[in-house]
Amino acid sequence: MKQLLELLGFIALVQGVLGLVHEFTHWHVGLVQRLGFLDGYGVYASVALVVLALALFAAAESRKSG
């Protein structure tokens, strides 16, 4: 379970950072910019993904390994 939380956290972190890179540099990277219902909310969605990643890492850290 700990490894799954870490994997999901890593994916959320990467997608959040790529979404922020897209918003500020207009490079076409990441998943956030490809979702039509997030038009105009890319920065908020990307920040939410980064916060979610931090929460997933914290949850993974609180789990026992094994």
N, C-alpha and C. Protein backbone atom coordinates (compact mmCIF):
# COMPACT_ATOMS: atom_id res chain seq x y z
N MET A 1 0.83 -1.19 0.00
CA MET A 1 0.00 0.00 0.00
C MET A 1 0.87 1.25 0.00
N LYS A 2 1.98 1.19 0.75
CA LYS A 2 2.87 2.35 0.82
C LYS A 2 3.44 2.67 -0.57
N GLN A 3 3.83 1.63 -1.30
CA GLN A 3 4.40 1.86 -2.63
C GLN A 3 3.36 2.40 -3.60
N LEU A 4 2.12 1.96 -3.48
CA LEU A 4 1.05 2.49 -4.33
C LEU A 4 0.81 3.97 -4.05
N LEU A 5 0.79 4.35 -2.78
CA LEU A 5 0.61 5.76 -2.44
C LEU A 5 1.77 6.60 -2.95
N GLU A 6 2.98 6.06 -2.86
CA GLU A 6 4.14 6.79 -3.36
C GLU A 6 4.10 6.93 -4.88
N LEU A 7 3.66 5.89 -5.56
CA LEU A 7 3.55 5.95 -7.02
C LEU A 7 2.50 6.97 -7.44
N LEU A 8 1.33 6.92 -6.81
CA LEU A 8 0.28 7.90 -7.13
C LEU A 8 0.73 9.33 -6.80
N GLY A 9 1.45 9.48 -5.70
CA GLY A 9 1.98 10.80 -5.35
C GLY A 9 2.97 11.31 -6.37
N PHE A 10 3.83 10.41 -6.85
CA PHE A 10 4.80 10.81 -7.86
C PHE A 10 4.12 11.23 -9.16
N ILE A 11 3.12 10.45 -9.58
CA ILE A 11 2.39 10.79 -10.81
C ILE A 11 1.68 12.13 -10.65
N ALA A 12 1.03 12.35 -9.50
CA ALA A 12 0.34 13.62 -9.27
C ALA A 12 1.32 14.78 -9.24
N LEU A 13 2.49 14.57 -8.64
CA LEU A 13 3.50 15.63 -8.58
C LEU A 13 4.00 15.98 -9.97
N VAL A 14 4.32 14.98 -10.75
CA VAL A 14 4.83 15.22 -12.11
C VAL A 14 3.78 15.95 -12.95
N GLN A 15 2.53 15.49 -12.89
CA GLN A 15 1.48 16.12 -13.69
C GLN A 15 1.21 17.56 -13.22
N GLY A 16 1.28 17.79 -11.91
CA GLY A 16 1.09 19.15 -11.39
C GLY A 16 2.19 20.09 -11.84
N VAL A 17 3.43 19.62 -11.77
CA VAL A 17 4.55 20.45 -12.21
C VAL A 17 4.49 20.69 -13.71
N LEU A 18 4.17 19.66 -14.48
CA LEU A 18 4.06 19.84 -15.93
C LEU A 18 2.92 20.79 -16.28
N GLY A 19 1.84 20.74 -15.52
CA GLY A 19 0.74 21.68 -15.75
C GLY A 19 1.16 23.11 -15.48
N LEU A 20 1.94 23.32 -14.44
CA LEU A 20 2.45 24.67 -14.16
C LEU A 20 3.43 25.12 -15.22
N VAL A 21 4.28 24.21 -15.68
CA VAL A 21 5.21 24.54 -16.77
C VAL A 21 4.43 24.97 -18.00
N HIS A 22 3.35 24.25 -18.32
CA HIS A 22 2.54 24.62 -19.48
C HIS A 22 1.91 26.00 -19.31
N GLU A 23 1.38 26.27 -18.14
CA GLU A 23 0.70 27.54 -17.92
C GLU A 23 1.64 28.73 -18.04
N PHE A 24 2.90 28.56 -17.61
CA PHE A 24 3.81 29.70 -17.60
C PHE A 24 4.73 29.77 -18.81
N THR A 25 4.91 28.65 -19.54
CA THR A 25 5.79 28.67 -20.70
C THR A 25 5.08 28.32 -21.99
N HIS A 26 3.84 27.82 -21.91
CA HIS A 26 3.03 27.41 -23.06
C HIS A 26 3.65 26.26 -23.83
N TRP A 27 4.48 25.46 -23.15
CA TRP A 27 4.91 24.19 -23.74
C TRP A 27 3.73 23.25 -23.65
N HIS A 28 3.56 22.41 -24.59
CA HIS A 28 2.42 21.49 -24.61
C HIS A 28 2.83 20.18 -23.94
N VAL A 29 2.91 20.21 -22.61
CA VAL A 29 3.27 19.04 -21.82
C VAL A 29 2.24 18.85 -20.72
N GLY A 30 2.10 17.64 -20.27
CA GLY A 30 1.23 17.36 -19.13
C GLY A 30 -0.18 17.01 -19.52
N LEU A 31 -0.91 16.50 -18.55
CA LEU A 31 -2.28 16.05 -18.76
C LEU A 31 -3.30 17.15 -18.50
N VAL A 32 -3.00 18.07 -17.62
CA VAL A 32 -3.97 19.10 -17.22
C VAL A 32 -4.41 19.93 -18.42
N GLN A 33 -3.50 20.28 -19.29
CA GLN A 33 -3.86 21.14 -20.43
C GLN A 33 -4.65 20.40 -21.48
N ARG A 34 -4.68 19.08 -21.43
CA ARG A 34 -5.42 18.28 -22.41
C ARG A 34 -6.87 18.03 -22.02
N LEU A 35 -7.22 18.31 -20.77
CA LEU A 35 -8.58 18.09 -20.30
C LEU A 35 -9.41 19.35 -20.54
N GLY A 36 -10.41 19.24 -21.38
CA GLY A 36 -11.19 20.39 -21.82
C GLY A 36 -11.96 21.08 -20.70
N PHE A 37 -12.44 20.32 -19.72
CA PHE A 37 -13.24 20.94 -18.67
C PHE A 37 -12.40 21.77 -17.69
N LEU A 38 -11.07 21.72 -17.83
CA LEU A 38 -10.20 22.53 -16.97
C LEU A 38 -9.73 23.81 -17.65
N ASP A 39 -10.30 24.13 -18.80
CA ASP A 39 -9.90 25.36 -19.51
C ASP A 39 -10.11 26.57 -18.61
N GLY A 40 -9.06 27.34 -18.43
CA GLY A 40 -9.12 28.53 -17.58
C GLY A 40 -8.79 28.25 -16.13
N TYR A 41 -8.69 26.98 -15.77
CA TYR A 41 -8.40 26.61 -14.38
C TYR A 41 -7.13 25.77 -14.28
N GLY A 42 -6.26 25.89 -15.25
CA GLY A 42 -5.05 25.06 -15.30
C GLY A 42 -4.13 25.27 -14.12
N VAL A 43 -3.95 26.52 -13.72
CA VAL A 43 -3.06 26.79 -12.58
C VAL A 43 -3.63 26.19 -11.31
N TYR A 44 -4.93 26.37 -11.11
CA TYR A 44 -5.56 25.84 -9.90
C TYR A 44 -5.50 24.32 -9.86
N ALA A 45 -5.76 23.69 -11.00
CA ALA A 45 -5.71 22.23 -11.07
C ALA A 45 -4.29 21.72 -10.83
N SER A 46 -3.31 22.42 -11.37
CA SER A 46 -1.93 22.00 -11.20
C SER A 46 -1.47 22.15 -9.75
N VAL A 47 -1.84 23.25 -9.12
CA VAL A 47 -1.51 23.44 -7.71
C VAL A 47 -2.22 22.39 -6.86
N ALA A 48 -3.46 22.08 -7.20
CA ALA A 48 -4.20 21.05 -6.47
C ALA A 48 -3.52 19.69 -6.62
N LEU A 49 -2.98 19.38 -7.78
CA LEU A 49 -2.25 18.13 -7.97
C LEU A 49 -0.98 18.09 -7.14
N VAL A 50 -0.28 19.20 -7.05
CA VAL A 50 0.94 19.24 -6.23
C VAL A 50 0.59 19.05 -4.76
N VAL A 51 -0.47 19.69 -4.30
CA VAL A 51 -0.92 19.53 -2.91
C VAL A 51 -1.37 18.09 -2.66
N LEU A 52 -2.08 17.51 -3.61
CA LEU A 52 -2.49 16.11 -3.49
C LEU A 52 -1.28 15.20 -3.40
N ALA A 53 -0.27 15.48 -4.20
CA ALA A 53 0.96 14.68 -4.16
C ALA A 53 1.61 14.74 -2.78
N LEU A 54 1.67 15.94 -2.20
CA LEU A 54 2.26 16.07 -0.87
C LEU A 54 1.45 15.30 0.17
N ALA A 55 0.12 15.33 0.04
CA ALA A 55 -0.73 14.58 0.96
C ALA A 55 -0.53 13.08 0.78
N LEU A 56 -0.38 12.62 -0.45
CA LEU A 56 -0.15 11.20 -0.69
C LEU A 56 1.21 10.77 -0.15
N PHE A 57 2.22 11.60 -0.29
CA PHE A 57 3.53 11.28 0.28
C PHE A 57 3.46 11.22 1.80
N ALA A 58 2.72 12.13 2.41
CA ALA A 58 2.57 12.12 3.86
C ALA A 58 1.82 10.87 4.32
N ALA A 59 0.79 10.48 3.57
CA ALA A 59 0.04 9.27 3.92
C ALA A 59 0.92 8.03 3.75
N ALA A 60 1.73 8.01 2.73
CA ALA A 60 2.63 6.87 2.52
C ALA A 60 3.67 6.79 3.63
N GLU A 61 4.13 7.94 4.07
CA GLU A 61 5.15 7.96 5.12
C GLU A 61 4.59 7.47 6.45
N SER A 62 3.31 7.70 6.67
CA SER A 62 2.70 7.29 7.95
C SER A 62 2.39 5.79 7.98
N ARG A 63 2.39 5.15 6.82
CA ARG A 63 2.13 3.70 6.76
C ARG A 63 3.38 2.93 7.14
N LYS A 64 3.18 1.77 7.73
CA LYS A 64 4.30 0.89 8.03
C LYS A 64 4.79 0.27 6.74
N SER A 65 6.10 0.13 6.62
CA SER A 65 6.62 -0.56 5.45
C SER A 65 6.51 -2.06 5.67
N GLY A 66 6.16 -2.74 4.60
CA GLY A 66 6.07 -4.20 4.76
C GLY A 66 4.82 -4.78 4.26
